[in-house]
Amino acid sequence: QSRRAVEIETLQAQAEVEPLRALAGQLQELKKNGANALPAYLR
């Protein structure tokens, strides 16, 4: 039961972190398009 609880918590943490990682990847791609890309995205 303890092992399964650890696995569940690990999967939940991965589910919360994954969108942040995807967002960080998108921001890095936007930054490559120019200096004004990120301010336009934030606006």
PDB file of all heavy atoms in Angstrom:
ATOM      1  N   GLN A   1       0.823  -1.205   0.000  1.00  0.00           N
ATOM      2  CA  GLN A   1       0.000   0.000   0.000  1.00  0.00           C
ATOM      3  C   GLN A   1       0.859   1.258   0.000  1.00  0.00           C
ATOM      4  O   GLN A   1       0.547   2.237  -0.701  1.00  0.00           O
ATOM      5  CB  GLN A   1      -0.930  -0.017   1.221  1.00  0.00           C
ATOM      6  CG  GLN A   1      -2.003  -1.100   1.158  1.00  0.00           C
ATOM      7  CD  GLN A   1      -2.837  -1.152   2.432  1.00  0.00           C
ATOM      8  OE1 GLN A   1      -2.513  -0.489   3.412  1.00  0.00           O
ATOM      9  NE2 GLN A   1      -3.902  -1.938   2.407  1.00  0.00           N
ATOM     10  N   SER A   2       1.949   1.257   0.779  1.00  0.00           N
ATOM     11  CA  SER A   2       2.836   2.420   0.803  1.00  0.00           C
ATOM     12  C   SER A   2       3.470   2.648  -0.567  1.00  0.00           C
ATOM     13  O   SER A   2       3.582   3.785  -1.038  1.00  0.00           O
ATOM     14  CB  SER A   2       3.922   2.219   1.863  1.00  0.00           C
ATOM     15  OG  SER A   2       3.352   2.047   3.145  1.00  0.00           O
ATOM     16  N   ARG A   3       3.885   1.564  -1.215  1.00  0.00           N
ATOM     17  CA  ARG A   3       4.487   1.699  -2.527  1.00  0.00           C
ATOM     18  C   ARG A   3       3.496   2.264  -3.537  1.00  0.00           C
ATOM     19  O   ARG A   3       3.831   3.117  -4.371  1.00  0.00           O
ATOM     20  CB  ARG A   3       4.997   0.340  -3.000  1.00  0.00           C
ATOM     21  CG  ARG A   3       5.806   0.416  -4.293  1.00  0.00           C
ATOM     22  CD  ARG A   3       6.149  -0.963  -4.833  1.00  0.00           C
ATOM     23  NE  ARG A   3       6.926  -1.712  -3.873  1.00  0.00           N
ATOM     24  CZ  ARG A   3       6.475  -2.805  -3.248  1.00  0.00           C
ATOM     25  NH1 ARG A   3       5.229  -3.220  -3.484  1.00  0.00           N
ATOM     26  NH2 ARG A   3       7.249  -3.446  -2.417  1.00  0.00           N
ATOM     27  N   ARG A   4       2.267   1.805  -3.483  1.00  0.00           N
ATOM     28  CA  ARG A   4       1.248   2.319  -4.395  1.00  0.00           C
ATOM     29  C   ARG A   4       0.940   3.789  -4.121  1.00  0.00           C
ATOM     30  O   ARG A   4       0.706   4.577  -5.061  1.00  0.00           O
ATOM     31  CB  ARG A   4      -0.016   1.476  -4.274  1.00  0.00           C
ATOM     32  CG  ARG A   4       0.143   0.059  -4.826  1.00  0.00           C
ATOM     33  CD  ARG A   4      -1.139  -0.723  -4.722  1.00  0.00           C
ATOM     34  NE  ARG A   4      -1.001  -2.064  -5.303  1.00  0.00           N
ATOM     35  CZ  ARG A   4      -1.969  -2.980  -5.296  1.00  0.00           C
ATOM     36  NH1 ARG A   4      -3.140  -2.706  -4.729  1.00  0.00           N
ATOM     37  NH2 ARG A   4      -1.752  -4.162  -5.842  1.00  0.00           N
ATOM     38  N   ALA A   5       0.914   4.169  -2.833  1.00  0.00           N
ATOM     39  CA  ALA A   5       0.661   5.575  -2.513  1.00  0.00           C
ATOM     40  C   ALA A   5       1.766   6.473  -3.077  1.00  0.00           C
ATOM     41  O   ALA A   5       1.496   7.559  -3.609  1.00  0.00           O
ATOM     42  CB  ALA A   5       0.546   5.749  -0.999  1.00  0.00           C
ATOM     43  N   VAL A   6       2.998   6.006  -2.959  1.00  0.00           N
ATOM     44  CA  VAL A   6       4.118   6.779  -3.519  1.00  0.00           C
ATOM     45  C   VAL A   6       3.980   6.897  -5.033  1.00  0.00           C
ATOM     46  O   VAL A   6       4.218   7.962  -5.625  1.00  0.00           O
ATOM     47  CB  VAL A   6       5.451   6.117  -3.136  1.00  0.00           C
ATOM     48  CG1 VAL A   6       6.622   6.759  -3.878  1.00  0.00           C
ATOM     49  CG2 VAL A   6       5.677   6.208  -1.629  1.00  0.00           C
ATOM     50  N   GLU A   7       3.584   5.822  -5.693  1.00  0.00           N
ATOM     51  CA  GLU A   7       3.407   5.863  -7.147  1.00  0.00           C
ATOM     52  C   GLU A   7       2.307   6.839  -7.546  1.00  0.00           C
ATOM     53  O   GLU A   7       2.441   7.596  -8.527  1.00  0.00           O
ATOM     54  CB  GLU A   7       3.079   4.464  -7.656  1.00  0.00           C
ATOM     55  CG  GLU A   7       4.244   3.476  -7.527  1.00  0.00           C
ATOM     56  CD  GLU A   7       3.847   2.082  -7.981  1.00  0.00           C
ATOM     57  OE1 GLU A   7       2.657   1.890  -8.313  1.00  0.00           O
ATOM     58  OE2 GLU A   7       4.733   1.199  -8.008  1.00  0.00           O
ATOM     59  N   ILE A   8       1.199   6.855  -6.774  1.00  0.00           N
ATOM     60  CA  ILE A   8       0.092   7.772  -7.090  1.00  0.00           C
ATOM     61  C   ILE A   8       0.524   9.223  -6.937  1.00  0.00           C
ATOM     62  O   ILE A   8       0.250  10.069  -7.792  1.00  0.00           O
ATOM     63  CB  ILE A   8      -1.125   7.451  -6.196  1.00  0.00           C
ATOM     64  CG1 ILE A   8      -1.704   6.075  -6.571  1.00  0.00           C
ATOM     65  CG2 ILE A   8      -2.199   8.529  -6.330  1.00  0.00           C
ATOM     66  CD1 ILE A   8      -2.800   5.603  -5.640  1.00  0.00           C
ATOM     67  N   GLU A   9       1.221   9.522  -5.833  1.00  0.00           N
ATOM     68  CA  GLU A   9       1.677  10.893  -5.619  1.00  0.00           C
ATOM     69  C   GLU A   9       2.685  11.311  -6.707  1.00  0.00           C
ATOM     70  O   GLU A   9       2.677  12.454  -7.168  1.00  0.00           O
ATOM     71  CB  GLU A   9       2.320  11.021  -4.237  1.00  0.00           C
ATOM     72  CG  GLU A   9       1.349  10.844  -3.078  1.00  0.00           C
ATOM     73  CD  GLU A   9       0.289  11.932  -3.053  1.00  0.00           C
ATOM     74  OE1 GLU A   9       0.564  13.054  -3.553  1.00  0.00           O
ATOM     75  OE2 GLU A   9      -0.816  11.685  -2.544  1.00  0.00           O
ATOM     76  N   THR A  10       3.502  10.385  -7.101  1.00  0.00           N
ATOM     77  CA  THR A  10       4.477  10.692  -8.151  1.00  0.00           C
ATOM     78  C   THR A  10       3.788  11.018  -9.467  1.00  0.00           C
ATOM     79  O   THR A  10       4.141  11.973 -10.178  1.00  0.00           O
ATOM     80  CB  THR A  10       5.436   9.510  -8.340  1.00  0.00           C
ATOM     81  OG1 THR A  10       6.103   9.242  -7.092  1.00  0.00           O
ATOM     82  CG2 THR A  10       6.476   9.817  -9.406  1.00  0.00           C
ATOM     83  N   LEU A  11       2.761  10.239  -9.805  1.00  0.00           N
ATOM     84  CA  LEU A  11       2.025  10.494 -11.042  1.00  0.00           C
ATOM     85  C   LEU A  11       1.286  11.822 -10.995  1.00  0.00           C
ATOM     86  O   LEU A  11       1.216  12.554 -12.002  1.00  0.00           O
ATOM     87  CB  LEU A  11       1.043   9.342 -11.299  1.00  0.00           C
ATOM     88  CG  LEU A  11       1.683   7.974 -11.621  1.00  0.00           C
ATOM     89  CD1 LEU A  11       0.608   6.902 -11.729  1.00  0.00           C
ATOM     90  CD2 LEU A  11       2.489   8.060 -12.911  1.00  0.00           C
ATOM     91  N   GLN A  12       0.715  12.153  -9.834  1.00  0.00           N
ATOM     92  CA  GLN A  12       0.021  13.435  -9.704  1.00  0.00           C
ATOM     93  C   GLN A  12       0.993  14.606  -9.861  1.00  0.00           C
ATOM     94  O   GLN A  12       0.681  15.609 -10.520  1.00  0.00           O
ATOM     95  CB  GLN A  12      -0.683  13.508  -8.355  1.00  0.00           C
ATOM     96  CG  GLN A  12      -1.887  12.571  -8.242  1.00  0.00           C
ATOM     97  CD  GLN A  12      -2.540  12.663  -6.887  1.00  0.00           C
ATOM     98  OE1 GLN A  12      -2.022  13.297  -5.959  1.00  0.00           O
ATOM     99  NE2 GLN A  12      -3.703  12.019  -6.758  1.00  0.00           N
ATOM    100  N   ALA A  13       2.173  14.489  -9.248  1.00  0.00           N
ATOM    101  CA  ALA A  13       3.167  15.564  -9.390  1.00  0.00           C
ATOM    102  C   ALA A  13       3.607  15.711 -10.844  1.00  0.00           C
ATOM    103  O   ALA A  13       3.778  16.828 -11.357  1.00  0.00           O
ATOM    104  CB  ALA A  13       4.368  15.269  -8.493  1.00  0.00           C
ATOM    105  N   GLN A  14       3.776  14.561 -11.530  1.00  0.00           N
ATOM    106  CA  GLN A  14       4.149  14.631 -12.938  1.00  0.00           C
ATOM    107  C   GLN A  14       3.053  15.277 -13.775  1.00  0.00           C
ATOM    108  O   GLN A  14       3.332  16.021 -14.719  1.00  0.00           O
ATOM    109  CB  GLN A  14       4.450  13.222 -13.452  1.00  0.00           C
ATOM    110  CG  GLN A  14       5.717  12.611 -12.864  1.00  0.00           C
ATOM    111  CD  GLN A  14       5.929  11.189 -13.337  1.00  0.00           C
ATOM    112  OE1 GLN A  14       5.066  10.606 -13.993  1.00  0.00           O
ATOM    113  NE2 GLN A  14       7.096  10.637 -13.003  1.00  0.00           N
ATOM    114  N   ALA A  15       1.785  15.016 -13.420  1.00  0.00           N
ATOM    115  CA  ALA A  15       0.674  15.615 -14.159  1.00  0.00           C
ATOM    116  C   ALA A  15       0.635  17.129 -13.979  1.00  0.00           C
ATOM    117  O   ALA A  15       0.246  17.874 -14.903  1.00  0.00           O
ATOM    118  CB  ALA A  15      -0.640  14.997 -13.695  1.00  0.00           C
ATOM    119  N   GLU A  16       1.029  17.640 -12.807  1.00  0.00           N
ATOM    120  CA  GLU A  16       1.044  19.083 -12.577  1.00  0.00           C
ATOM    121  C   GLU A  16       2.261  19.747 -13.233  1.00  0.00           C
ATOM    122  O   GLU A  16       2.192  20.902 -13.678  1.00  0.00           O
ATOM    123  CB  GLU A  16       1.051  19.354 -11.073  1.00  0.00           C
ATOM    124  CG  GLU A  16      -0.238  18.910 -10.368  1.00  0.00           C
ATOM    125  CD  GLU A  16      -0.172  19.145  -8.878  1.00  0.00           C
ATOM    126  OE1 GLU A  16       0.890  19.603  -8.399  1.00  0.00           O
ATOM    127  OE2 GLU A  16      -1.174  18.857  -8.184  1.00  0.00           O
ATOM    128  N   VAL A  17       3.351  19.042 -13.291  1.00  0.00           N
ATOM    129  CA  VAL A  17       4.572  19.626 -13.843  1.00  0.00           C
ATOM    130  C   VAL A  17       4.564  19.621 -15.361  1.00  0.00           C
ATOM    131  O   VAL A  17       5.135  20.517 -16.011  1.00  0.00           O
ATOM    132  CB  VAL A  17       5.806  18.872 -13.298  1.00  0.00           C
ATOM    133  CG1 VAL A  17       7.077  19.295 -14.023  1.00  0.00           C
ATOM    134  CG2 VAL A  17       5.947  19.112 -11.802  1.00  0.00           C
ATOM    135  N   GLU A  18       3.907  18.664 -15.955  1.00  0.00           N
ATOM    136  CA  GLU A  18       3.955  18.514 -17.407  1.00  0.00           C
ATOM    137  C   GLU A  18       3.436  19.752 -18.155  1.00  0.00           C
ATOM    138  O   GLU A  18       4.071  20.206 -19.126  1.00  0.00           O
ATOM    139  CB  GLU A  18       3.183  17.272 -17.817  1.00  0.00           C
ATOM    140  CG  GLU A  18       3.386  16.852 -19.249  1.00  0.00           C
ATOM    141  CD  GLU A  18       4.827  16.493 -19.543  1.00  0.00           C
ATOM    142  OE1 GLU A  18       5.530  16.034 -18.608  1.00  0.00           O
ATOM    143  OE2 GLU A  18       5.254  16.660 -20.699  1.00  0.00           O
ATOM    144  N   PRO A  19       2.285  20.353 -17.764  1.00  0.00           N
ATOM    145  CA  PRO A  19       1.845  21.578 -18.463  1.00  0.00           C
ATOM    146  C   PRO A  19       2.855  22.711 -18.352  1.00  0.00           C
ATOM    147  O   PRO A  19       3.052  23.491 -19.304  1.00  0.00           O
ATOM    148  CB  PRO A  19       0.522  21.926 -17.773  1.00  0.00           C
ATOM    149  CG  PRO A  19       0.044  20.627 -17.204  1.00  0.00           C
ATOM    150  CD  PRO A  19       1.262  19.904 -16.794  1.00  0.00           C
ATOM    151  N   LEU A  20       3.507  22.838 -17.183  1.00  0.00           N
ATOM    152  CA  LEU A  20       4.501  23.886 -17.012  1.00  0.00           C
ATOM    153  C   LEU A  20       5.682  23.670 -17.945  1.00  0.00           C
ATOM    154  O   LEU A  20       6.233  24.617 -18.526  1.00  0.00           O
ATOM    155  CB  LEU A  20       4.975  23.941 -15.558  1.00  0.00           C
ATOM    156  CG  LEU A  20       3.884  24.277 -14.522  1.00  0.00           C
ATOM    157  CD1 LEU A  20       4.466  24.245 -13.113  1.00  0.00           C
ATOM    158  CD2 LEU A  20       3.272  25.644 -14.815  1.00  0.00           C
ATOM    159  N   ARG A  21       6.072  22.414 -18.096  1.00  0.00           N
ATOM    160  CA  ARG A  21       7.174  22.111 -19.010  1.00  0.00           C
ATOM    161  C   ARG A  21       6.777  22.422 -20.460  1.00  0.00           C
ATOM    162  O   ARG A  21       7.574  22.942 -21.243  1.00  0.00           O
ATOM    163  CB  ARG A  21       7.565  20.639 -18.886  1.00  0.00           C
ATOM    164  CG  ARG A  21       8.257  20.291 -17.563  1.00  0.00           C
ATOM    165  CD  ARG A  21       8.610  18.828 -17.519  1.00  0.00           C
ATOM    166  NE  ARG A  21       9.351  18.510 -16.290  1.00  0.00           N
ATOM    167  CZ  ARG A  21       9.733  17.280 -15.964  1.00  0.00           C
ATOM    168  NH1 ARG A  21       9.436  16.258 -16.772  1.00  0.00           N
ATOM    169  NH2 ARG A  21      10.398  17.082 -14.846  1.00  0.00           N
ATOM    170  N   ALA A  22       5.546  22.105 -20.802  1.00  0.00           N
ATOM    171  CA  ALA A  22       5.085  22.404 -22.163  1.00  0.00           C
ATOM    172  C   ALA A  22       5.052  23.912 -22.409  1.00  0.00           C
ATOM    173  O   ALA A  22       5.435  24.404 -23.488  1.00  0.00           O
ATOM    174  CB  ALA A  22       3.702  21.788 -22.374  1.00  0.00           C
ATOM    175  N   LEU A  23       4.584  24.686 -21.395  1.00  0.00           N
ATOM    176  CA  LEU A  23       4.554  26.136 -21.519  1.00  0.00           C
ATOM    177  C   LEU A  23       5.963  26.716 -21.665  1.00  0.00           C
ATOM    178  O   LEU A  23       6.205  27.627 -22.466  1.00  0.00           O
ATOM    179  CB  LEU A  23       3.861  26.739 -20.298  1.00  0.00           C
ATOM    180  CG  LEU A  23       3.747  28.266 -20.262  1.00  0.00           C
ATOM    181  CD1 LEU A  23       2.961  28.780 -21.486  1.00  0.00           C
ATOM    182  CD2 LEU A  23       3.082  28.723 -18.975  1.00  0.00           C
ATOM    183  N   ALA A  24       6.897  26.157 -20.876  1.00  0.00           N
ATOM    184  CA  ALA A  24       8.276  26.634 -20.973  1.00  0.00           C
ATOM    185  C   ALA A  24       8.839  26.365 -22.359  1.00  0.00           C
ATOM    186  O   ALA A  24       9.556  27.202 -22.934  1.00  0.00           O
ATOM    187  CB  ALA A  24       9.131  25.954 -19.909  1.00  0.00           C
ATOM    188  N   GLY A  25       8.500  25.231 -22.944  1.00  0.00           N
ATOM    189  CA  GLY A  25       8.966  24.935 -24.293  1.00  0.00           C
ATOM    190  C   GLY A  25       8.395  25.894 -25.317  1.00  0.00           C
ATOM    191  O   GLY A  25       9.099  26.336 -26.240  1.00  0.00           O
ATOM    192  N   GLN A  26       7.110  26.228 -25.164  1.00  0.00           N
ATOM    193  CA  GLN A  26       6.496  27.186 -26.090  1.00  0.00           C
ATOM    194  C   GLN A  26       7.138  28.566 -25.971  1.00  0.00           C
ATOM    195  O   GLN A  26       7.368  29.255 -26.991  1.00  0.00           O
ATOM    196  CB  GLN A  26       4.998  27.272 -25.813  1.00  0.00           C
ATOM    197  CG  GLN A  26       4.242  25.989 -26.145  1.00  0.00           C
ATOM    198  CD  GLN A  26       2.769  26.089 -25.795  1.00  0.00           C
ATOM    199  OE1 GLN A  26       2.313  27.133 -25.279  1.00  0.00           O
ATOM    200  NE2 GLN A  26       2.021  25.030 -26.075  1.00  0.00           N
ATOM    201  N   LEU A  27       7.421  29.015 -24.751  1.00  0.00           N
ATOM    202  CA  LEU A  27       8.046  30.324 -24.563  1.00  0.00           C
ATOM    203  C   LEU A  27       9.434  30.367 -25.187  1.00  0.00           C
ATOM    204  O   LEU A  27       9.842  31.389 -25.751  1.00  0.00           O
ATOM    205  CB  LEU A  27       8.115  30.658 -23.075  1.00  0.00           C
ATOM    206  CG  LEU A  27       6.760  30.861 -22.378  1.00  0.00           C
ATOM    207  CD1 LEU A  27       6.952  31.118 -20.887  1.00  0.00           C
ATOM    208  CD2 LEU A  27       5.984  32.018 -23.018  1.00  0.00           C
ATOM    209  N   GLN A  28      10.155  29.250 -25.066  1.00  0.00           N
ATOM    210  CA  GLN A  28      11.473  29.218 -25.688  1.00  0.00           C
ATOM    211  C   GLN A  28      11.372  29.321 -27.210  1.00  0.00           C
ATOM    212  O   GLN A  28      12.188  29.991 -27.859  1.00  0.00           O
ATOM    213  CB  GLN A  28      12.203  27.936 -25.300  1.00  0.00           C
ATOM    214  CG  GLN A  28      12.638  27.901 -23.833  1.00  0.00           C
ATOM    215  CD  GLN A  28      13.328  26.610 -23.468  1.00  0.00           C
ATOM    216  OE1 GLN A  28      13.377  25.680 -24.285  1.00  0.00           O
ATOM    217  NE2 GLN A  28      13.838  26.544 -22.240  1.00  0.00           N
ATOM    218  N   GLU A  29      10.371  28.698 -27.800  1.00  0.00           N
ATOM    219  CA  GLU A  29      10.181  28.789 -29.241  1.00  0.00           C
ATOM    220  C   GLU A  29       9.808  30.219 -29.667  1.00  0.00           C
ATOM    221  O   GLU A  29      10.257  30.731 -30.695  1.00  0.00           O
ATOM    222  CB  GLU A  29       9.092  27.807 -29.686  1.00  0.00           C
ATOM    223  CG  GLU A  29       9.487  26.344 -29.552  1.00  0.00           C
ATOM    224  CD  GLU A  29      10.621  25.982 -30.492  1.00  0.00           C
ATOM    225  OE1 GLU A  29      10.712  26.600 -31.577  1.00  0.00           O
ATOM    226  OE2 GLU A  29      11.428  25.086 -30.148  1.00  0.00           O
ATOM    227  N   LEU A  30       8.951  30.872 -28.833  1.00  0.00           N
ATOM    228  CA  LEU A  30       8.579  32.258 -29.131  1.00  0.00           C
ATOM    229  C   LEU A  30       9.780  33.191 -29.046  1.00  0.00           C
ATOM    230  O   LEU A  30       9.933  34.131 -29.843  1.00  0.00           O
ATOM    231  CB  LEU A  30       7.483  32.729 -28.177  1.00  0.00           C
ATOM    232  CG  LEU A  30       6.099  32.097 -28.378  1.00  0.00           C
ATOM    233  CD1 LEU A  30       5.151  32.557 -27.274  1.00  0.00           C
ATOM    234  CD2 LEU A  30       5.524  32.482 -29.749  1.00  0.00           C
ATOM    235  N   LYS A  31      10.633  32.954 -28.092  1.00  0.00           N
ATOM    236  CA  LYS A  31      11.794  33.809 -27.898  1.00  0.00           C
ATOM    237  C   LYS A  31      12.719  33.753 -29.102  1.00  0.00           C
ATOM    238  O   LYS A  31      13.418  34.713 -29.429  1.00  0.00           O
ATOM    239  CB  LYS A  31      12.537  33.383 -26.640  1.00  0.00           C
ATOM    240  CG  LYS A  31      13.686  34.307 -26.274  1.00  0.00           C
ATOM    241  CD  LYS A  31      14.310  33.874 -24.961  1.00  0.00           C
ATOM    242  CE  LYS A  31      15.451  34.807 -24.589  1.00  0.00           C
ATOM    243  NZ  LYS A  31      16.085  34.398 -23.302  1.00  0.00           N
ATOM    244  N   LYS A  32      12.732  32.593 -29.778  1.00  0.00           N
ATOM    245  CA  LYS A  32      13.576  32.468 -30.957  1.00  0.00           C
ATOM    246  C   LYS A  32      13.077  33.313 -32.135  1.00  0.00           C
ATOM    247  O   LYS A  32      13.832  33.574 -33.070  1.00  0.00           O
ATOM    248  CB  LYS A  32      13.659  31.007 -31.381  1.00  0.00           C
ATOM    249  CG  LYS A  32      14.348  30.108 -30.369  1.00  0.00           C
ATOM    250  CD  LYS A  32      14.347  28.663 -30.833  1.00  0.00           C
ATOM    251  CE  LYS A  32      14.997  27.741 -29.799  1.00  0.00           C
ATOM    252  NZ  LYS A  32      14.977  26.339 -30.246  1.00  0.00           N
ATOM    253  N   ASN A  33      11.815  33.735 -32.124  1.00  0.00           N
ATOM    254  CA  ASN A  33      11.233  34.477 -33.254  1.00  0.00           C
ATOM    255  C   ASN A  33      11.551  35.980 -33.201  1.00  0.00           C
ATOM    256  O   ASN A  33      11.151  36.729 -34.094  1.00  0.00           O
ATOM    257  CB  ASN A  33       9.722  34.280 -33.303  1.00  0.00           C
ATOM    258  CG  ASN A  33       9.365  32.841 -33.619  1.00  0.00           C
ATOM    259  OD1 ASN A  33      10.114  32.148 -34.315  1.00  0.00           O
ATOM    260  ND2 ASN A  33       8.242  32.367 -33.093  1.00  0.00           N
ATOM    261  N   GLY A  34      12.151  36.410 -32.121  1.00  0.00           N
ATOM    262  CA  GLY A  34      12.502  37.825 -32.056  1.00  0.00           C
ATOM    263  C   GLY A  34      12.341  38.392 -30.664  1.00  0.00           C
ATOM    264  O   GLY A  34      11.710  37.776 -29.796  1.00  0.00           O
ATOM    265  N   ALA A  35      12.873  39.601 -30.450  1.00  0.00           N
ATOM    266  CA  ALA A  35      12.828  40.217 -29.114  1.00  0.00           C
ATOM    267  C   ALA A  35      11.426  40.661 -28.746  1.00  0.00           C
ATOM    268  O   ALA A  35      11.083  40.744 -27.569  1.00  0.00           O
ATOM    269  CB  ALA A  35      13.799  41.381 -29.048  1.00  0.00           C
ATOM    270  N   ASN A  36      10.582  41.017 -29.754  1.00  0.00           N
ATOM    271  CA  ASN A  36       9.225  41.488 -29.460  1.00  0.00           C
ATOM    272  C   ASN A  36       8.193  40.368 -29.361  1.00  0.00           C
ATOM    273  O   ASN A  36       7.009  40.635 -29.151  1.00  0.00           O
ATOM    274  CB  ASN A  36       8.795  42.485 -30.555  1.00  0.00           C
ATOM    275  CG  ASN A  36       9.693  43.703 -30.603  1.00  0.00           C
ATOM    276  OD1 ASN A  36      10.169  44.160 -29.545  1.00  0.00           O
ATOM    277  ND2 ASN A  36       9.932  44.247 -31.787  1.00  0.00           N
ATOM    278  N   ALA A  37       8.598  39.147 -29.550  1.00  0.00           N
ATOM    279  CA  ALA A  37       7.635  38.035 -29.551  1.00  0.00           C
ATOM    280  C   ALA A  37       7.072  37.805 -28.160  1.00  0.00           C
ATOM    281  O   ALA A  37       5.855  37.670 -27.984  1.00  0.00           O
ATOM    282  CB  ALA A  37       8.293  36.773 -30.100  1.00  0.00           C
ATOM    283  N   LEU A  38       7.943  37.803 -27.161  1.00  0.00           N
ATOM    284  CA  LEU A  38       7.461  37.519 -25.804  1.00  0.00           C
ATOM    285  C   LEU A  38       6.576  38.642 -25.275  1.00  0.00           C
ATOM    286  O   LEU A  38       5.515  38.372 -24.695  1.00  0.00           O
ATOM    287  CB  LEU A  38       8.659  37.289 -24.870  1.00  0.00           C
ATOM    288  CG  LEU A  38       9.380  35.933 -25.023  1.00  0.00           C
ATOM    289  CD1 LEU A  38      10.560  35.857 -24.059  1.00  0.00           C
ATOM    290  CD2 LEU A  38       8.412  34.794 -24.753  1.00  0.00           C
ATOM    291  N   PRO A  39       6.933  39.919 -25.405  1.00  0.00           N
ATOM    292  CA  PRO A  39       6.018  40.976 -24.949  1.00  0.00           C
ATOM    293  C   PRO A  39       4.666  40.921 -25.651  1.00  0.00           C
ATOM    294  O   PRO A  39       3.626  41.158 -25.020  1.00  0.00           O
ATOM    295  CB  PRO A  39       6.778  42.266 -25.283  1.00  0.00           C
ATOM    296  CG  PRO A  39       8.215  41.860 -25.248  1.00  0.00           C
ATOM    297  CD  PRO A  39       8.249  40.483 -25.795  1.00  0.00           C
ATOM    298  N   ALA A  40       4.637  40.590 -26.935  1.00  0.00           N
ATOM    299  CA  ALA A  40       3.363  40.482 -27.644  1.00  0.00           C
ATOM    300  C   ALA A  40       2.533  39.318 -27.096  1.00  0.00           C
ATOM    301  O   ALA A  40       1.312  39.422 -26.935  1.00  0.00           O
ATOM    302  CB  ALA A  40       3.622  40.303 -29.136  1.00  0.00           C
ATOM    303  N   TYR A  41       3.204  38.236 -26.780  1.00  0.00           N
ATOM    304  CA  TYR A  41       2.500  37.060 -26.219  1.00  0.00           C
ATOM    305  C   TYR A  41       1.910  37.409 -24.856  1.00  0.00           C
ATOM    306  O   TYR A  41       0.745  37.082 -24.555  1.00  0.00           O
ATOM    307  CB  TYR A  41       3.469  35.888 -26.112  1.00  0.00           C
ATOM    308  CG  TYR A  41       2.880  34.686 -25.397  1.00  0.00           C
ATOM    309  CD1 TYR A  41       2.000  33.821 -26.053  1.00  0.00           C
ATOM    310  CD2 TYR A  41       3.196  34.435 -24.067  1.00  0.00           C
ATOM    311  CE1 TYR A  41       1.454  32.755 -25.388  1.00  0.00           C
ATOM    312  CE2 TYR A  41       2.643  33.357 -23.393  1.00  0.00           C
ATOM    313  CZ  TYR A  41       1.771  32.507 -24.059  1.00  0.00           C
ATOM    314  OH  TYR A  41       1.227  31.433 -23.389  1.00  0.00           O
ATOM    315  N   LEU A  42       2.711  38.111 -24.010  1.00  0.00           N
ATOM    316  CA  LEU A  42       2.219  38.492 -22.681  1.00  0.00           C
ATOM    317  C   LEU A  42       1.046  39.465 -22.796  1.00  0.00           C
ATOM    318  O   LEU A  42       0.094  39.414 -22.012  1.00  0.00           O
ATOM    319  CB  LEU A  42       3.355  39.127 -21.874  1.00  0.00           C
ATOM    320  CG  LEU A  42       4.504  38.175 -21.491  1.00  0.00           C
ATOM    321  CD1 LEU A  42       5.619  38.954 -20.775  1.00  0.00           C
ATOM    322  CD2 LEU A  42       3.973  37.074 -20.585  1.00  0.00           C
ATOM    323  N   ARG A  43       1.087  40.380 -23.787  1.00  0.00           N
ATOM    324  CA  ARG A  43      -0.029  41.316 -23.962  1.00  0.00           C
ATOM    325  C   ARG A  43      -1.292  40.584 -24.340  1.00  0.00           C
ATOM    326  O   ARG A  43      -2.372  40.886 -23.823  1.00  0.00           O
ATOM    327  CB  ARG A  43       0.348  42.335 -25.048  1.00  0.00           C
ATOM    328  CG  ARG A  43      -0.708  43.406 -25.288  1.00  0.00           C
ATOM    329  CD  ARG A  43      -0.343  44.233 -26.484  1.00  0.00           C
ATOM    330  NE  ARG A  43      -0.263  43.368 -27.671  1.00  0.00           N
ATOM    331  CZ  ARG A  43       0.202  43.794 -28.847  1.00  0.00           C
ATOM    332  NH1 ARG A  43       0.672  45.034 -28.988  1.00  0.00           N
ATOM    333  NH2 ARG A  43       0.233  42.970 -29.877  1.00  0.00           N
TER     334      ARG A  43
END
